């Protein structure tokens, strides 16, 4: 009687386990040996010979004949929140698209920009035929990520989706950005600080920024539910008296639009920024440069995030491996 295990054809993962390397390394040995050191190549080939492993040359040929098309997918619906003045962030989308397009032009692939009305339309992406992979724009919902992965191509989700599983991610480090805000204010000597935010329960990035900030500096006052330009104005006017009495010396805001509103609200009460109080934003929007020398803020480097995500996606197309999760560090940008 034939042993079923002995009849089973050895796989790439069998070789990887025997050689003590990853499946991706086994693929590189046979498809891109120039990327692997000689000792590893010898070890993999010896394990493959012992197991009787034969690489599937037909599959490799199919990969080489693929379309060379990557999809950059934006899904309009699915967010459970919308905040006032959110359209001001469309400038960031433009910067991201330009960075991604420039990156693609340096390579041999094509990029197809696709906008879907909802997650229900994800299955329609199959109309693009043998596309090689998906770059997801600002995907934060696990259901969306899983639906994209269900199409059977490599998927990299970018922006704020560091918690996603079943796909690869390249994101900005929001917790580190919040910490940068706190460290900057402490460096300036501020300890009596108001933190202005909103939608922490719905928007993961807002929660992470708050966590990063509060781990380093406990705010004297925390204003929850004050998000966007109009609410920022209201927060500034409401706390103007605390500035006059010295109970507060600085504001840290969850984003730049809120910070700009705070500045205007304080100005309406006769308080001048930065002469009388420091206001710190987040996102480094173009708008922040319109007020004098601009506000200190945190640059999330989103164009770099997406450029790196595209690089990771291209790598996974060539050499499918386990999930990749990377974060790009933000940077504190001061006025002047």
Protein backbone atom coordinates (compact mmCIF):
# COMPACT_ATOMS: atom_id res chain seq x y z
CA UNK A 1 0.00 0.00 0.00
CA UNK A 2 1.39 3.41 -0.96
CA UNK A 3 2.08 5.88 1.83
CA UNK A 4 0.06 9.04 0.98
CA UNK A 5 2.76 11.24 2.52
CA UNK A 6 5.46 9.74 0.31
CA UNK A 7 3.33 10.27 -2.79
CA UNK A 8 2.66 13.93 -2.00
CA UNK A 9 4.76 16.31 -4.07
CA UNK A 10 7.13 18.45 -1.99
CA UNK A 11 6.21 22.14 -1.85
CA UNK A 12 8.12 25.35 -1.46
CA UNK A 13 7.08 25.50 2.19
CA UNK A 14 8.44 21.98 2.77
CA UNK A 15 11.81 23.12 1.45
CA UNK A 16 11.69 26.30 3.54
CA UNK A 17 11.00 24.30 6.71
CA UNK A 18 13.80 21.84 5.99
CA UNK A 19 16.30 24.59 5.17
CA UNK A 20 15.28 26.82 8.06
CA UNK A 21 14.40 29.78 5.83
CA UNK A 22 11.23 31.52 4.68
CA UNK A 23 9.16 30.52 1.69
CA UNK A 24 10.06 33.87 0.14
CA UNK A 25 13.76 32.98 0.37
CA UNK A 26 13.12 29.69 -1.44
CA UNK A 27 11.40 31.63 -4.22
CA UNK A 28 14.33 34.02 -4.47
CA UNK A 29 16.79 31.13 -4.77
CA UNK A 30 15.01 29.90 -7.89
CA UNK A 31 13.73 33.19 -9.37
CA UNK A 32 16.22 35.85 -8.20
CA UNK A 33 19.35 34.07 -6.95
CA UNK A 34 21.41 37.27 -7.20
CA UNK A 35 19.51 38.49 -4.12
CA UNK A 36 20.58 35.52 -1.97
CA UNK A 37 23.98 34.67 -0.49
CA UNK A 38 25.75 31.48 -1.69
CA UNK A 39 25.52 29.65 1.64
CA UNK A 40 21.75 30.05 1.71
CA UNK A 41 21.43 29.00 -1.93
CA UNK A 42 23.43 25.83 -1.24
CA UNK A 43 21.34 25.03 1.84
CA UNK A 44 18.03 25.52 0.00
CA UNK A 45 19.10 23.50 -3.02
CA UNK A 46 20.37 20.66 -0.81
CA UNK A 47 17.06 20.55 1.07
CA UNK A 48 15.14 20.65 -2.22
CA UNK A 49 17.18 17.76 -3.61
CA UNK A 50 16.62 15.69 -0.48
CA UNK A 51 12.87 16.25 -0.69
CA UNK A 52 12.66 15.80 -4.44
CA UNK A 53 11.33 19.34 -4.85
CA UNK A 54 10.97 20.58 -8.45
CA UNK A 55 10.08 24.29 -8.96
CA UNK A 56 7.04 24.97 -11.11
CA UNK A 57 8.54 26.65 -14.15
CA UNK A 58 5.12 27.05 -15.78
CA UNK A 59 3.89 29.13 -12.83
CA UNK A 60 6.98 31.30 -13.02
CA UNK A 61 6.39 31.84 -16.73
CA UNK A 62 2.81 32.86 -16.08
CA UNK A 63 4.01 35.44 -13.56
CA UNK A 64 6.42 36.88 -16.11
CA UNK A 65 3.60 37.15 -18.68
CA UNK A 66 1.25 38.95 -16.29
CA UNK A 67 -0.28 42.30 -17.15
CA UNK A 68 2.07 44.45 -15.08
CA UNK A 69 -0.95 46.43 -13.81
CA UNK A 70 -1.45 47.47 -10.20
CA UNK A 71 -4.73 48.89 -8.90
CA UNK A 72 -4.82 51.93 -6.61
CA UNK A 73 -8.24 51.56 -4.99
CA UNK A 74 -10.23 54.18 -3.10
CA UNK A 75 -13.57 53.24 -1.52
CA UNK A 76 -15.83 56.24 -0.93
CA UNK A 77 -18.34 54.70 1.48
CA UNK A 78 -17.69 52.64 4.55
CA UNK A 79 -16.55 55.32 6.96
CA UNK A 80 -18.95 55.74 9.85
CA UNK A 81 -17.91 59.36 10.30
CA UNK A 82 -17.59 62.64 8.46
CA UNK A 83 -16.32 65.80 10.04
CA UNK A 84 -16.79 69.43 8.99
CA UNK A 85 -14.26 70.82 6.51
CA UNK A 86 -13.03 67.32 5.64
CA UNK A 87 -12.82 68.36 1.98
CA UNK A 88 -9.78 70.46 2.86
CA UNK A 89 -7.86 67.18 3.08
CA UNK A 90 -8.35 66.49 -0.62
CA UNK A 91 -5.04 68.29 -1.19
CA UNK A 92 -3.33 65.44 0.65
CA UNK A 93 -4.92 62.94 -1.74
CA UNK A 94 -3.48 64.87 -4.67
CA UNK A 95 0.00 64.81 -3.13
CA UNK A 96 -0.29 61.06 -2.54
CA UNK A 97 -1.44 60.31 -6.09
CA UNK A 98 1.37 62.37 -7.60
CA UNK A 99 3.96 60.57 -5.46
CA UNK A 100 2.59 57.15 -6.41
CA UNK A 101 2.43 57.99 -10.12
CA UNK A 102 6.02 59.27 -10.11
CA UNK A 103 7.12 56.06 -8.41
CA UNK A 104 5.31 53.90 -10.95
CA UNK A 105 6.84 55.81 -13.85
CA UNK A 106 10.30 54.80 -12.64
CA UNK A 107 9.38 51.12 -12.96
CA UNK A 108 7.92 48.78 -15.54
CA UNK A 109 4.35 48.56 -14.24
CA UNK A 110 1.13 50.42 -14.93
CA UNK A 111 -1.11 51.93 -12.28
CA UNK A 112 -4.89 52.02 -12.62
CA UNK A 113 -6.72 54.45 -10.32
CA UNK A 114 -10.06 53.00 -9.27
CA UNK A 115 -12.79 54.57 -7.13
CA UNK A 116 -15.50 52.31 -5.75
CA UNK A 117 -18.73 53.59 -4.24
CA UNK A 118 -18.75 50.94 -1.48
CA UNK A 119 -17.17 47.73 -0.26
CA UNK A 120 -19.90 45.83 -2.11
CA UNK A 121 -18.23 46.79 -5.40
CA UNK A 122 -14.88 45.17 -4.56
CA UNK A 123 -15.73 41.97 -6.52
CA UNK A 124 -16.08 44.11 -9.66
CA UNK A 125 -12.32 44.70 -9.64
CA UNK A 126 -12.02 41.39 -11.47
CA UNK A 127 -13.02 43.31 -14.61
CA UNK A 128 -9.39 44.47 -14.77
CA UNK A 129 -8.38 40.91 -15.62
CA UNK A 130 -4.97 39.68 -14.57
CA UNK A 131 -3.91 42.71 -12.51
CA UNK A 132 -1.03 41.90 -10.19
CA UNK A 133 -1.87 43.58 -6.90
CA UNK A 134 -3.88 46.20 -5.01
CA UNK A 135 -2.76 49.34 -3.17
CA UNK A 136 -5.60 50.37 -0.86
CA UNK A 137 -6.11 54.05 -0.11
CA UNK A 138 -6.82 54.84 3.55
CA UNK A 139 -8.27 51.41 4.34
CA UNK A 140 -8.96 51.15 8.08
CA UNK A 141 -11.83 48.64 8.15
CA UNK A 142 -10.94 44.97 8.55
CA UNK A 143 -13.93 43.92 6.44
CA UNK A 144 -12.71 46.03 3.53
CA UNK A 145 -9.17 44.68 3.86
CA UNK A 146 -10.44 41.09 3.94
CA UNK A 147 -12.64 41.67 0.89
CA UNK A 148 -9.66 43.03 -1.05
CA UNK A 149 -7.49 40.10 0.02
CA UNK A 150 -10.26 37.74 -1.09
CA UNK A 151 -9.50 38.59 -4.72
CA UNK A 152 -6.37 36.46 -4.45
CA UNK A 153 -3.76 39.11 -5.26
CA UNK A 154 -1.20 40.77 -3.00
CA UNK A 155 -2.75 43.69 -1.11
CA UNK A 156 -1.04 46.56 0.70
CA UNK A 157 -3.23 48.97 2.68
CA UNK A 158 -1.82 52.38 3.57
CA UNK A 159 -2.43 55.43 5.71
CA UNK A 160 -3.81 54.44 9.16
CA UNK A 161 -4.48 50.69 8.90
CA UNK A 162 -1.67 49.42 11.13
CA UNK A 163 -4.12 47.09 12.94
CA UNK A 164 -5.26 45.21 9.83
CA UNK A 165 -4.55 41.50 9.35
CA UNK A 166 -4.61 39.29 6.27
CA UNK A 167 -3.04 42.07 4.19
CA UNK A 168 0.24 43.94 4.26
CA UNK A 169 0.33 47.51 5.58
CA UNK A 170 2.53 50.58 5.36
CA UNK A 171 1.26 53.35 7.60
CA UNK A 172 2.19 56.51 9.42
CA UNK A 173 2.93 56.13 13.14
CA UNK A 174 0.16 58.18 14.73
CA UNK A 175 1.14 57.32 18.30
CA UNK A 176 4.67 58.59 17.63
CA UNK A 177 3.18 61.76 16.12
CA UNK A 178 1.18 62.47 19.28
CA UNK A 179 4.32 61.93 21.32
CA UNK A 180 6.15 64.45 19.13
CA UNK A 181 3.51 67.05 19.94
CA UNK A 182 3.91 66.51 23.68
CA UNK A 183 7.70 66.51 23.52
CA UNK A 184 7.72 69.76 21.57
CA UNK A 185 5.48 71.52 24.07
CA UNK A 186 7.53 70.27 27.01
CA UNK A 187 10.69 71.49 25.29
CA UNK A 188 9.11 74.94 25.07
CA UNK A 189 8.32 74.79 28.79
CA UNK A 190 4.56 74.20 28.49
CA UNK A 191 2.87 72.02 31.09
CA UNK A 192 -0.55 73.68 31.28
CA UNK A 193 -1.88 72.41 27.97
CA UNK A 194 -5.33 71.90 26.47
CA UNK A 195 -5.74 68.98 24.08
CA UNK A 196 -8.48 69.45 21.45
CA UNK A 197 -9.83 66.41 19.61
CA UNK A 198 -12.91 64.53 18.48
CA UNK A 199 -14.20 61.18 17.21
CA UNK A 200 -11.57 59.23 19.14
CA UNK A 201 -13.91 56.25 19.27
CA UNK A 202 -14.54 56.24 15.52
CA UNK A 203 -11.21 57.37 14.08
CA UNK A 204 -8.31 55.15 15.08
CA UNK A 205 -5.67 57.73 14.13
CA UNK A 206 -7.22 60.25 16.54
CA UNK A 207 -7.15 57.72 19.36
CA UNK A 208 -3.52 56.84 18.70
CA UNK A 209 -2.46 60.49 18.56
CA UNK A 210 -4.18 61.07 21.89
CA UNK A 211 -2.50 58.01 23.42
CA UNK A 212 0.94 59.09 22.22
CA UNK A 213 0.43 62.60 23.58
CA UNK A 214 -1.05 61.70 26.97
CA UNK A 215 1.61 59.07 27.70
CA UNK A 216 4.15 61.91 27.84
CA UNK A 217 2.12 64.94 28.94
CA UNK A 218 -1.14 64.93 30.89
CA UNK A 219 -3.32 67.79 29.59
CA UNK A 220 -4.72 70.34 32.01
CA UNK A 221 -7.91 70.22 29.93
CA UNK A 222 -9.10 67.75 27.28
CA UNK A 223 -11.80 68.89 24.87
CA UNK A 224 -13.51 65.91 23.24
CA UNK A 225 -15.94 66.60 20.40
CA UNK A 226 -14.25 69.77 19.13
CA UNK A 227 -13.18 68.71 15.65
CA UNK A 228 -12.79 70.85 12.55
CA UNK A 229 -12.49 74.56 11.89
CA UNK A 230 -15.79 75.73 13.41
CA UNK A 231 -15.44 73.60 16.54
CA UNK A 232 -11.85 74.75 16.92
CA UNK A 233 -13.08 78.35 16.93
CA UNK A 234 -15.56 77.48 19.65
CA UNK A 235 -12.87 75.79 21.72
CA UNK A 236 -10.57 78.81 21.40
CA UNK A 237 -13.24 81.27 22.49
CA UNK A 238 -14.35 79.04 25.34
CA UNK A 239 -10.86 78.74 26.83
CA UNK A 240 -9.66 82.27 26.17
CA UNK A 241 -10.21 83.22 29.81
CA UNK A 242 -7.96 80.35 30.91
CA UNK A 243 -5.18 81.80 28.77
CA UNK A 244 -5.57 85.24 30.36
CA UNK A 245 -5.34 83.84 33.88
CA UNK A 246 -2.33 81.67 33.06
CA UNK A 247 -4.18 78.41 33.67
CA UNK A 248 -3.37 77.37 30.09
CA UNK A 249 -0.33 78.26 28.00
CA UNK A 250 -0.70 76.03 24.93
CA UNK A 251 -3.11 74.05 22.75
CA UNK A 252 -2.34 70.75 21.05
CA UNK A 253 -4.87 69.82 18.36
CA UNK A 254 -5.62 66.52 16.67
CA UNK A 255 -5.37 68.10 13.21
CA UNK A 256 -4.52 71.34 11.47
CA UNK A 257 -8.09 72.42 10.67
CA UNK A 258 -8.98 72.27 14.34
CA UNK A 259 -5.79 74.18 15.19
CA UNK A 260 -6.61 76.91 12.66
CA UNK A 261 -10.07 77.23 14.22
CA UNK A 262 -8.54 77.56 17.68
CA UNK A 263 -6.27 80.34 16.43
CA UNK A 264 -9.23 82.25 15.00
CA UNK A 265 -11.33 81.73 18.12
CA UNK A 266 -8.55 83.05 20.33
CA UNK A 267 -8.00 85.98 17.97
CA UNK A 268 -11.67 86.94 18.28
CA UNK A 269 -11.07 87.19 22.02
CA UNK A 270 -8.01 89.40 21.61
CA UNK A 271 -5.42 86.65 22.17
CA UNK A 272 -2.57 86.55 19.64
CA UNK A 273 -0.85 83.35 18.53
CA UNK A 274 2.04 82.71 19.10
CA UNK A 275 2.69 85.81 21.20
CA UNK A 276 0.23 84.93 23.97
CA UNK A 277 -0.19 81.18 23.53
CA UNK A 278 1.23 78.29 21.51
CA UNK A 279 -1.07 76.34 19.20
CA UNK A 280 0.17 73.07 17.71
CA UNK A 281 -1.47 71.19 14.84
CA UNK A 282 -1.11 67.87 13.03
CA UNK A 283 -0.94 66.97 9.29
CA UNK A 284 1.09 69.89 7.88
CA UNK A 285 -1.65 71.03 5.51
CA UNK A 286 -0.85 73.76 3.01
CA UNK A 287 -3.46 75.87 4.81
CA UNK A 288 -1.28 76.19 7.91
CA UNK A 289 1.15 78.38 6.00
CA UNK A 290 -1.52 80.98 5.34
CA UNK A 291 -1.38 82.41 8.87
CA UNK A 292 1.81 84.41 9.18
CA UNK A 293 4.80 82.05 9.36
CA UNK A 294 2.49 79.07 9.85
CA UNK A 295 1.75 76.86 12.83
CA UNK A 296 4.02 74.20 14.30
CA UNK A 297 2.58 70.88 13.21
CA UNK A 298 3.33 67.21 12.63
CA UNK A 299 4.19 66.04 9.12
CA UNK A 300 2.90 62.50 8.58
CA UNK A 301 4.89 62.02 5.34
CA UNK A 302 1.93 60.39 3.60
CA UNK A 303 3.41 60.62 0.07
CA UNK A 304 6.41 58.69 1.39
CA UNK A 305 4.08 56.21 3.10
CA UNK A 306 2.35 55.42 -0.19
CA UNK A 307 5.57 55.34 -2.19
CA UNK A 308 6.94 52.75 0.22
CA UNK A 309 3.64 50.85 0.10
CA UNK A 310 3.96 50.65 -3.68
CA UNK A 311 7.50 49.31 -3.31
CA UNK A 312 6.30 46.66 -0.88
CA UNK A 313 3.46 45.72 -3.23
CA UNK A 314 5.88 45.32 -6.17
CA UNK A 315 8.08 43.13 -3.97
CA UNK A 316 5.14 40.92 -2.97
CA UNK A 317 4.06 40.56 -6.61
CA UNK A 318 7.51 39.27 -7.54
CA UNK A 319 7.98 37.19 -4.41
CA UNK A 320 4.81 36.42 -2.44
CA UNK A 321 5.61 36.08 1.25
CA UNK A 322 4.01 36.50 4.62
CA UNK A 323 2.41 39.79 5.64
CA UNK A 324 4.61 42.89 5.73
CA UNK A 325 3.86 45.61 8.27
CA UNK A 326 5.88 48.83 8.26
CA UNK A 327 5.42 52.32 9.71
CA UNK A 328 6.92 55.61 8.53
CA UNK A 329 7.96 57.96 11.33
CA UNK A 330 6.31 61.42 11.40
CA UNK A 331 8.24 64.65 11.89
CA UNK A 332 7.62 67.79 13.94
CA UNK A 333 7.65 70.85 11.67
CA UNK A 334 8.07 74.20 13.40
CA UNK A 335 7.00 77.57 12.04
CA UNK A 336 9.55 79.85 10.49
